[in-house]
Protein backbone atom coordinates (compact mmCIF):
# COMPACT_ATOMS: atom_id res chain seq x y z
CA MET A 1 96.40 -30.74 166.06
CA LYS A 2 98.94 -32.19 163.65
CA ASN A 3 100.19 -28.71 162.81
CA VAL A 4 100.78 -27.96 166.47
CA ARG A 5 102.79 -31.20 166.86
CA LYS A 6 104.87 -30.32 163.80
CA ILE A 7 105.62 -26.87 165.19
CA ALA A 8 106.50 -28.43 168.54
CA LEU A 9 108.98 -30.76 166.80
CA VAL A 10 110.49 -27.84 164.91
CA THR A 11 110.74 -25.89 168.15
CA LEU A 12 112.45 -28.88 169.83
CA SER A 13 114.90 -29.08 166.92
CA ALA A 14 115.61 -25.38 167.28
CA LEU A 15 116.38 -25.88 170.97
CA VAL A 16 118.85 -28.65 170.13
CA ILE A 17 120.51 -26.41 167.55
CA GLY A 18 120.61 -23.69 170.17
CA ALA A 19 122.47 -26.01 172.55
CA VAL A 20 125.08 -26.67 169.88
CA PHE A 21 125.31 -23.06 168.81
CA PRO A 22 124.83 -21.00 171.99
CA TYR A 23 125.24 -17.69 170.18
CA VAL A 24 121.93 -18.19 168.34
CA ASN A 25 120.11 -19.87 171.20
CA PHE A 26 118.62 -16.68 172.65
CA ALA A 27 117.45 -15.34 169.27
CA LEU A 28 115.79 -18.63 168.36
CA ASP A 29 114.12 -18.83 171.74
CA GLN A 30 112.74 -15.31 171.33
CA THR A 31 111.46 -16.05 167.81
CA TYR A 32 109.66 -19.25 168.74
CA GLN A 33 108.15 -17.71 171.86
CA GLN A 34 106.67 -15.05 169.61
CA LEU A 35 105.47 -17.63 167.07
CA LYS A 36 103.80 -19.56 169.90
CA VAL A 37 101.39 -16.66 170.36
CA ILE A 38 100.24 -17.00 166.73
CA VAL A 39 99.85 -20.77 167.07
CA ASP A 40 97.86 -20.37 170.31
CA VAL A 41 95.53 -17.82 168.72
CA LEU A 42 95.04 -20.05 165.67
CA GLU A 43 94.12 -23.08 167.79
CA LEU A 44 91.81 -21.09 170.08
CA ILE A 45 89.90 -19.72 167.09
CA LYS A 46 89.65 -23.18 165.48
CA ASP A 47 88.34 -24.78 168.68
CA ASN A 48 86.14 -22.05 170.14
CA TYR A 49 84.99 -19.54 167.52
CA VAL A 50 81.20 -19.43 167.09
CA GLU A 51 81.42 -20.61 163.47
CA GLN A 52 83.75 -23.05 161.75
CA ILE A 53 86.43 -21.21 159.81
CA ASP A 54 89.05 -22.24 157.27
CA PRO A 55 92.50 -22.38 159.00
CA GLN A 56 94.15 -21.31 155.74
CA LYS A 57 92.20 -18.07 155.85
CA LEU A 58 93.53 -17.43 159.37
CA VAL A 59 97.12 -18.13 158.30
CA TYR A 60 96.82 -15.75 155.34
CA GLY A 61 95.27 -13.13 157.61
CA ALA A 62 98.19 -13.42 160.02
CA ALA A 63 100.69 -13.11 157.15
CA LYS A 64 98.93 -10.01 155.80
CA GLY A 65 98.86 -8.49 159.26
CA MET A 66 102.62 -8.92 159.69
CA VAL A 67 103.41 -7.37 156.32
CA GLU A 68 101.07 -4.43 156.88
CA GLU A 69 103.32 -3.38 159.77
CA LEU A 70 106.18 -2.72 157.33
CA ASP A 71 105.36 -0.16 154.62
CA ASP A 72 102.86 0.66 151.86
CA PHE A 73 104.66 -1.43 149.25
CA SER A 74 105.49 -4.71 150.96
CA GLN A 75 102.69 -7.19 150.42
CA PHE A 76 101.58 -10.74 151.11
CA MET A 77 99.83 -12.15 148.03
CA GLU A 78 97.47 -15.09 148.08
CA PRO A 79 97.93 -17.54 145.17
CA ASP A 80 95.26 -15.98 142.93
CA VAL A 81 96.67 -12.46 143.40
CA TYR A 82 100.20 -13.71 142.75
CA ASP A 83 99.06 -15.46 139.55
CA ARG A 84 97.48 -12.22 138.31
CA VAL A 85 100.58 -10.19 139.11
CA LYS A 86 102.79 -12.66 137.23
CA SER A 87 100.60 -12.66 134.13
CA ASP A 88 99.65 -8.97 134.20
CA THR A 89 100.75 -7.14 131.04
CA GLU A 90 100.17 -3.82 129.39
CA GLY A 91 97.73 -5.31 126.95
CA GLU A 92 93.96 -5.16 127.24
CA PHE A 93 91.85 -5.64 130.36
CA GLY A 94 88.44 -4.78 131.73
CA GLY A 95 88.58 -1.87 134.14
CA ILE A 96 87.79 1.80 134.74
CA GLY A 97 91.01 3.27 133.30
CA ILE A 98 93.06 4.81 136.11
CA ARG A 99 96.61 4.53 137.36
CA VAL A 100 96.77 4.42 141.14
CA ASP A 101 99.25 4.46 143.99
CA THR A 102 99.04 4.57 147.78
CA LYS A 103 99.52 7.77 149.73
CA ASP A 104 99.03 8.16 153.47
CA GLY A 105 97.45 4.71 153.51
CA TRP A 106 94.79 5.59 150.91
CA LEU A 107 94.38 4.42 147.34
CA THR A 108 95.16 7.56 145.32
CA VAL A 109 94.55 8.33 141.64
CA VAL A 110 97.77 9.19 139.78
CA THR A 111 95.95 9.89 136.53
CA PRO A 112 92.87 8.74 134.61
CA LEU A 113 93.52 7.46 131.09
CA PRO A 114 91.89 9.56 128.33
CA ASN A 115 88.49 8.42 127.06
CA THR A 116 88.11 5.73 129.73
CA PRO A 117 85.22 5.35 132.21
CA ALA A 118 87.26 7.07 134.96
CA TRP A 119 88.01 9.97 132.61
CA LYS A 120 84.32 10.32 131.67
CA ALA A 121 83.40 10.22 135.37
CA GLN A 122 85.71 13.25 135.83
CA MET A 123 88.07 11.54 138.24
CA MET A 124 91.20 13.61 138.87
CA PRO A 125 94.83 13.04 139.94
CA GLY A 126 94.97 13.25 143.71
CA ASP A 127 91.45 11.89 144.22
CA LYS A 128 91.42 9.31 146.99
CA ILE A 129 89.31 6.22 146.39
CA ILE A 130 88.06 5.72 149.93
CA LYS A 131 85.55 2.92 149.27
CA ILE A 132 85.05 0.17 146.69
CA GLU A 133 81.62 -1.46 146.81
CA GLY A 134 81.03 0.20 150.17
CA VAL A 135 84.18 -1.26 151.76
CA THR A 136 86.94 1.08 152.94
CA THR A 137 90.25 1.08 151.06
CA LYS A 138 92.25 2.34 154.04
CA ASP A 139 95.57 0.44 154.05
CA LEU A 140 94.37 -1.76 151.18
CA ILE A 141 97.34 -2.99 149.15
CA ILE A 142 97.40 -1.85 145.53
CA ASP A 143 97.10 -5.27 143.93
CA GLU A 144 94.02 -6.06 145.99
CA ALA A 145 92.48 -2.72 145.02
CA ILE A 146 93.22 -3.27 141.32
CA LYS A 147 91.67 -6.72 141.58
CA LYS A 148 88.46 -5.11 142.92
CA LEU A 149 88.40 -2.37 140.29
CA ARG A 150 89.02 -4.64 137.32
CA GLY A 151 86.43 -6.99 135.95
CA LYS A 152 84.50 -8.09 132.90
CA PRO A 153 83.72 -5.22 130.49
CA GLY A 154 80.08 -4.15 130.88
CA THR A 155 79.94 -4.87 134.62
CA GLN A 156 79.68 -2.06 137.15
CA VAL A 157 81.70 -1.06 140.20
CA LYS A 158 80.63 1.39 142.89
CA ILE A 159 83.32 3.63 144.37
CA THR A 160 83.47 6.59 146.73
CA THR A 161 86.07 9.28 146.08
CA ALA A 162 87.38 12.16 148.19
CA ARG A 163 88.86 15.27 146.59
CA GLU A 164 90.80 18.03 148.29
CA SER A 165 89.03 21.38 148.21
CA ASP A 166 90.68 24.48 146.75
CA ASP A 167 90.18 25.92 150.23
CA LYS A 168 92.85 24.11 152.24
CA ASN A 169 90.87 24.63 155.45
CA ALA A 170 87.70 23.05 154.06
CA GLU A 171 86.85 19.35 154.32
CA TRP A 172 87.50 17.02 151.41
CA ILE A 173 84.62 16.66 148.97
CA THR A 174 83.27 13.09 148.77
CA ARG A 175 81.39 11.63 145.82
CA ASP A 176 79.72 8.27 145.12
CA ILE A 177 80.19 7.02 141.55
CA THR A 178 78.93 3.95 139.73
CA ILE A 179 81.23 3.19 136.79
CA THR A 180 80.72 0.67 134.01
CA ARG A 181 83.94 -1.18 133.19
CA GLU A 182 85.25 -1.16 129.62
CA LEU A 183 88.02 -2.85 127.69
CA ILE A 184 91.05 -0.67 128.45
CA LYS A 185 93.80 -0.21 125.89
CA SER A 186 96.75 1.80 127.16
CA GLU A 187 99.77 3.28 125.45
CA ASN A 188 102.96 4.28 127.22
CA VAL A 189 104.63 6.82 124.89
CA LYS A 190 103.14 9.78 123.02
CA TRP A 191 105.06 12.30 120.95
CA ARG A 192 104.88 15.27 118.57
CA MET A 193 106.81 18.34 117.45
CA LEU A 194 106.06 21.52 119.42
CA ASP A 195 107.60 23.67 116.70
CA ASN A 196 110.05 23.12 113.86
CA LYS A 197 112.96 22.50 116.28
CA THR A 198 111.51 21.30 119.59
CA GLY A 199 110.39 17.72 120.11
CA TYR A 200 108.00 16.57 122.81
CA ILE A 201 107.69 13.08 124.32
CA LYS A 202 105.31 12.08 127.09
CA ILE A 203 106.11 8.80 128.84
CA VAL A 204 102.87 7.65 130.46
CA GLU A 205 104.57 4.87 132.43
CA PHE A 206 107.69 2.71 132.25
CA THR A 207 106.04 -0.57 131.32
CA GLY A 208 105.53 -2.92 128.41
CA HIS A 209 107.51 -1.95 125.32
CA VAL A 210 108.28 1.57 126.54
CA THR A 211 111.97 1.51 125.56
CA GLU A 212 111.37 0.52 121.95
CA ASN A 213 108.44 2.94 121.70
CA PHE A 214 110.67 5.70 123.08
CA ASP A 215 113.38 4.86 120.52
CA LYS A 216 110.77 4.99 117.76
CA ALA A 217 109.57 8.41 118.99
CA MET A 218 113.12 9.80 119.11
CA ALA A 219 113.91 8.57 115.60
CA GLU A 220 110.70 10.04 114.19
CA LEU A 221 111.21 13.41 115.89
CA LYS A 222 114.83 13.56 114.76
CA GLY A 223 113.64 12.92 111.21
CA LYS A 224 111.33 15.94 111.56
CA GLY A 225 114.23 18.23 112.53
CA MET A 226 114.26 17.97 116.33
CA GLU A 227 117.15 19.97 117.85
CA SER A 228 115.96 19.93 121.49
CA LEU A 229 113.53 17.86 123.56
CA VAL A 230 110.92 18.26 126.29
CA LEU A 231 110.44 14.97 128.17
CA ASP A 232 107.13 15.00 130.04
CA LEU A 233 107.03 12.70 133.10
CA ARG A 234 104.07 14.35 134.82
CA TYR A 235 101.56 11.87 136.29
CA ASN A 236 103.97 9.02 135.49
CA PRO A 237 103.66 6.47 138.34
CA GLY A 238 106.83 4.58 137.34
CA GLY A 239 107.26 0.98 136.26
CA LEU A 240 110.31 -1.02 135.28
CA LEU A 241 113.73 -0.08 136.64
CA SER A 242 115.35 -1.54 133.50
CA ALA A 243 113.30 0.81 131.30
CA ALA A 244 114.30 3.85 133.38
CA VAL A 245 117.96 2.85 133.11
CA ASP A 246 117.77 2.17 129.35
CA ILE A 247 116.12 5.51 128.61
CA SER A 248 118.67 7.33 130.79
CA LYS A 249 121.46 5.71 128.74
CA VAL A 250 120.10 7.40 125.61
CA PHE A 251 121.21 10.75 127.05
CA MET A 252 124.38 9.85 129.02
CA ASN A 253 127.51 7.96 128.04
CA GLY A 254 130.65 6.67 129.69
CA ASN A 255 130.45 5.21 133.16
CA LYS A 256 128.15 7.85 134.66
CA MET A 257 125.98 6.74 137.56
CA ILE A 258 122.25 6.56 136.87
CA VAL A 259 120.98 5.21 140.19
CA PHE A 260 122.06 2.89 143.00
CA THR A 261 120.21 0.80 145.55
CA LYS A 262 121.15 0.26 149.18
CA GLY A 263 119.53 -1.94 151.82
CA ARG A 264 120.36 -3.57 155.14
CA LYS A 265 122.29 -6.40 153.50
CA PRO A 266 125.50 -5.76 151.53
CA GLU A 267 124.19 -7.78 148.56
CA ASN A 268 121.34 -5.29 148.15
CA TYR A 269 123.80 -2.60 147.10
CA GLN A 270 123.71 -2.34 143.33
CA GLU A 271 124.86 0.31 140.88
CA PHE A 272 123.34 1.11 137.48
CA ARG A 273 125.56 3.08 135.14
CA ALA A 274 125.57 4.35 131.58
CA ASN A 275 127.83 2.59 129.11
CA GLY A 276 129.02 3.03 125.55
CA THR A 277 128.11 6.08 123.52
CA ALA A 278 124.76 7.79 124.05
CA ALA A 279 122.83 8.41 120.84
CA TYR A 280 121.58 11.81 122.08
CA GLU A 281 124.34 12.84 124.46
CA MET A 282 124.37 16.48 123.29
CA LEU A 283 120.63 17.00 122.73
CA PRO A 284 119.34 19.90 124.92
CA LEU A 285 116.82 18.41 127.36
CA VAL A 286 114.17 19.67 129.79
CA ILE A 287 112.16 17.27 131.97
CA LEU A 288 108.69 18.05 133.32
CA MET A 289 107.59 16.59 136.68
CA ASN A 290 104.81 17.04 139.21
CA ARG A 291 103.74 15.62 142.55
CA TYR A 292 102.42 12.46 140.87
CA SER A 293 105.71 11.59 139.13
CA ALA A 294 107.04 8.53 140.95
CA SER A 295 109.46 5.63 141.00
CA ALA A 296 111.07 5.05 137.57
CA SER A 297 110.25 8.59 136.46
CA GLU A 298 112.10 9.91 139.52
CA ILE A 299 115.09 7.72 138.67
CA VAL A 300 115.36 9.27 135.20
CA ALA A 301 114.91 12.82 136.50
CA GLY A 302 117.36 12.29 139.38
CA ALA A 303 120.02 10.86 137.05
CA MET A 304 119.66 13.75 134.60
CA GLN A 305 119.66 16.37 137.37
CA ASP A 306 122.64 15.05 139.33
CA ASN A 307 124.71 14.60 136.16
CA LYS A 308 123.74 18.13 135.07
CA ARG A 309 122.30 16.65 131.90
CA ALA A 310 118.83 18.25 132.01
CA VAL A 311 116.81 20.99 133.69
CA ILE A 312 113.84 19.80 135.77
CA VAL A 313 110.73 22.01 135.62
CA GLY A 314 107.51 21.70 137.60
CA GLU A 315 106.86 20.38 141.11
CA ARG A 316 108.61 18.19 143.63
CA SER A 317 107.94 14.56 142.74
CA PHE A 318 106.05 11.88 144.67
CA GLY A 319 108.98 10.23 146.44
CA LYS A 320 108.45 6.52 145.82
CA ALA A 321 111.77 4.75 145.61
CA SER A 322 111.80 1.46 147.40
CA VAL A 323 112.97 -1.83 145.90
CA GLN A 324 110.71 -4.85 146.29
CA SER A 325 111.75 -8.47 145.88
CA MET A 326 109.12 -11.05 144.89
CA ILE A 327 109.57 -14.22 146.97
CA PRO A 328 107.41 -17.24 145.99
CA LEU A 329 106.21 -19.36 148.93
CA SER A 330 105.56 -23.10 149.19
CA ASP A 331 101.77 -22.96 148.65
CA LYS A 332 102.03 -20.72 145.52
CA SER A 333 101.39 -17.55 147.50
CA ALA A 334 104.17 -14.94 147.55
CA LEU A 335 105.76 -12.20 149.59
CA ARG A 336 106.66 -8.89 148.00
CA LEU A 337 109.20 -7.43 150.41
CA THR A 338 110.97 -4.07 150.46
CA ILE A 339 114.69 -4.88 150.59
CA ALA A 340 116.36 -1.62 149.53
CA LYS A 341 115.85 2.01 148.49
CA TYR A 342 116.90 3.97 145.42
CA TYR A 343 119.41 6.79 145.62
CA THR A 344 120.34 9.39 143.02
CA PRO A 345 123.96 9.53 141.78
CA SER A 346 124.81 12.17 144.42
CA GLY A 347 123.47 9.90 147.19
CA LYS A 348 120.11 11.59 147.82
CA SER A 349 117.32 9.27 148.92
CA ILE A 350 114.34 9.53 146.58
CA GLN A 351 111.97 7.90 149.07
CA HIS A 352 109.57 10.37 150.68
CA ASP A 353 110.15 10.84 154.40
CA ALA A 354 106.98 12.35 155.89
CA LYS A 355 108.62 12.89 159.28
CA ASN A 356 111.51 14.98 157.97
CA GLU A 357 109.59 16.28 154.92
CA ASN A 358 112.23 15.33 152.39
CA GLY A 359 112.63 12.90 149.52
CA GLY A 360 111.43 13.08 145.95
CA ILE A 361 113.13 15.10 143.20
CA TYR A 362 113.06 18.86 143.63
CA PRO A 363 112.69 20.86 140.39
CA ASP A 364 115.43 23.24 139.26
CA ILE A 365 112.65 25.65 138.27
CA ALA A 366 109.44 25.37 140.29
CA VAL A 367 106.15 26.06 138.50
CA LYS A 368 102.98 25.57 140.54
CA VAL A 369 99.71 24.93 138.70
CA SER A 370 96.32 25.56 140.36
CA LEU A 371 93.90 22.64 140.77
CA GLU A 372 91.41 24.28 138.41
CA THR A 373 94.03 24.80 135.69
CA GLU A 374 95.31 21.27 136.22
CA LYS A 375 91.79 19.91 135.73
CA LYS A 376 91.31 21.84 132.47
CA LEU A 377 94.74 20.78 131.19
CA LEU A 378 93.85 17.15 131.80
CA GLN A 379 90.53 17.55 130.02
CA GLN A 380 92.12 19.08 126.93
CA GLY A 381 95.11 16.73 127.13
CA ASP A 382 93.22 14.16 125.08
CA GLU A 383 93.23 16.56 122.12
CA ILE A 384 96.80 17.72 122.69
CA TYR A 385 98.63 14.44 123.11
CA PHE A 386 96.93 11.99 120.76
CA PRO A 387 98.57 12.20 117.32
CA GLY A 388 96.26 11.55 114.42
CA LYS A 389 93.02 12.50 116.15
CA ASP A 390 92.52 15.71 114.13
CA GLU A 391 93.17 13.86 110.89
CA LYS A 392 90.48 11.33 111.81
CA ALA A 393 88.01 14.13 112.55
CA GLU A 394 88.73 15.74 109.18
CA LYS A 395 88.10 12.45 107.37
CA ASP A 396 84.81 12.13 109.21
CA ASP A 397 83.88 15.68 108.17
CA LYS A 398 84.60 14.89 104.52
CA ALA A 399 82.48 11.76 104.83
CA GLY A 400 79.53 13.98 105.86
CA LYS A 401 79.35 13.03 109.54
CA ASP A 402 77.83 16.20 110.99
CA ASP A 403 78.12 15.02 114.57
CA LYS A 404 81.93 15.20 114.37
CA PRO A 405 83.81 18.44 115.09
CA GLY A 406 84.79 20.39 111.99
CA LYS A 407 87.67 22.83 111.47
CA ASP A 408 85.74 25.75 112.99
CA ASP A 409 85.00 23.70 116.09
CA LYS A 410 88.66 22.73 116.42
CA ALA A 411 89.78 26.34 116.04
CA ALA A 412 87.29 27.39 118.74
CA LYS A 413 88.60 24.67 121.07
CA LYS A 414 92.19 25.77 120.52
CA SER A 415 91.29 29.41 121.27
CA GLU A 416 89.66 28.30 124.55
CA ALA A 417 92.56 26.02 125.52
CA VAL A 418 94.19 26.59 128.89
CA ARG A 419 97.86 27.57 128.76
CA ASP A 420 100.24 24.85 129.97
CA GLU A 421 102.63 27.05 131.94
CA VAL A 422 105.01 24.21 132.78
CA LEU A 423 105.40 23.17 129.15
CA ASP A 424 105.68 26.80 128.02
CA ARG A 425 108.46 27.43 130.55
CA ALA A 426 110.36 24.42 129.25
CA VAL A 427 110.14 25.66 125.65
CA GLU A 428 111.26 29.14 126.75
CA LEU A 429 114.30 27.65 128.45
CA LEU A 430 115.31 25.72 125.34
CA LYS A 431 114.87 28.78 123.12
CA ALA A 432 116.82 30.95 125.57
CA ARG A 433 119.63 28.39 125.52
CA GLU A 434 119.74 28.54 121.75
CA VAL A 435 119.78 32.35 121.74
CA LEU A 436 122.45 32.58 124.45
CA GLY A 437 124.54 29.99 122.60
CA ASN A 438 124.58 32.21 119.53
CA LEU A 439 125.84 35.25 121.42
CA LYS A 440 129.41 36.29 120.76
CA PRO A 441 130.57 38.57 123.61
CA GLY A 442 133.54 40.78 122.82
CA LYS A 443 133.05 40.65 119.05
């Protein structure tokens, strides 16, 4: 009962403060009356529950319950979860190889990583992971879900997925999968030339060393004769705000607004602007997005769109644009709390509003891709976006490895490849710009 006595003393102190400062007296009284309910429940459980239970577990449960009332991204983290979040990097880890987010309270696949267990199990963007080891994931916070999915390479995890049917009126298709975890190695930037003038960069996510990898890609493509660029942000779940701002600065100079944040408190208003001279200020640019592009990817697209710096092609983006602050607590647990939202330079809120059906970045040119085509594009994406893979296959052929695909096999695969309509539209736009720029009306 020591804790109860301490709280009683604190409450008494609050009442004394309230007597001195009458303006806060009522608010304090309300707060401590509400806290008394939690203390009463805690003591009743400790004294009367059928089994003895750790009080710390009850306190953490109460904290989680409070935070769950806020939004999908605020989170109470127990000490072990907080430690993992602090030390988490984009290096190597044991897992199934997916990027996830929360949507409508469910853990949702943003994209599987090529050649990972999730990829081999034919998991798809938009799949909802509804159970992990038989336990529902409804309203499960992302870090807790990741903790359950990751583990020692070679161990297994059982999950249940739900996939939307092509028939919108049909029920979702559920599937039970047992996946063996592997050592996952991820990369955040991939690039190549589409033709002798058009460069292509895919940013997988804005984490790790993405800015320096992006700079490396731009330099290499420029050295190969790049005169225009397609920046692919499809399936990009976001990442670091600083990376989104730094990459935006590559294309915009001066004091142009990139993004600003606004919350309930004045100090949560913050502007992020371009500065100095942009290395690629005049480079023609088209950005690809889809419904899984979120957070930092939306910041880049919104900045380019509002400053009329790029054309956005594809689908309306995810609409995840809330700012979380990490607040360490006294027992080494932590609170991740939403304190502000992101806004594009013109003042549009990026955050998805389900009630009013707005938010996200709307494309300048909408291109809708069917689920079946999307699935095939993802399957062949491994061949399309991994530089050096063909060269490795050719070396294996020369070494006499008959189980590797030869040139005829590769040609057959290319002839069967599904057309990427979104990417093709982007290239057409850049070529049309070049042609129209060479016209000389009146001459």
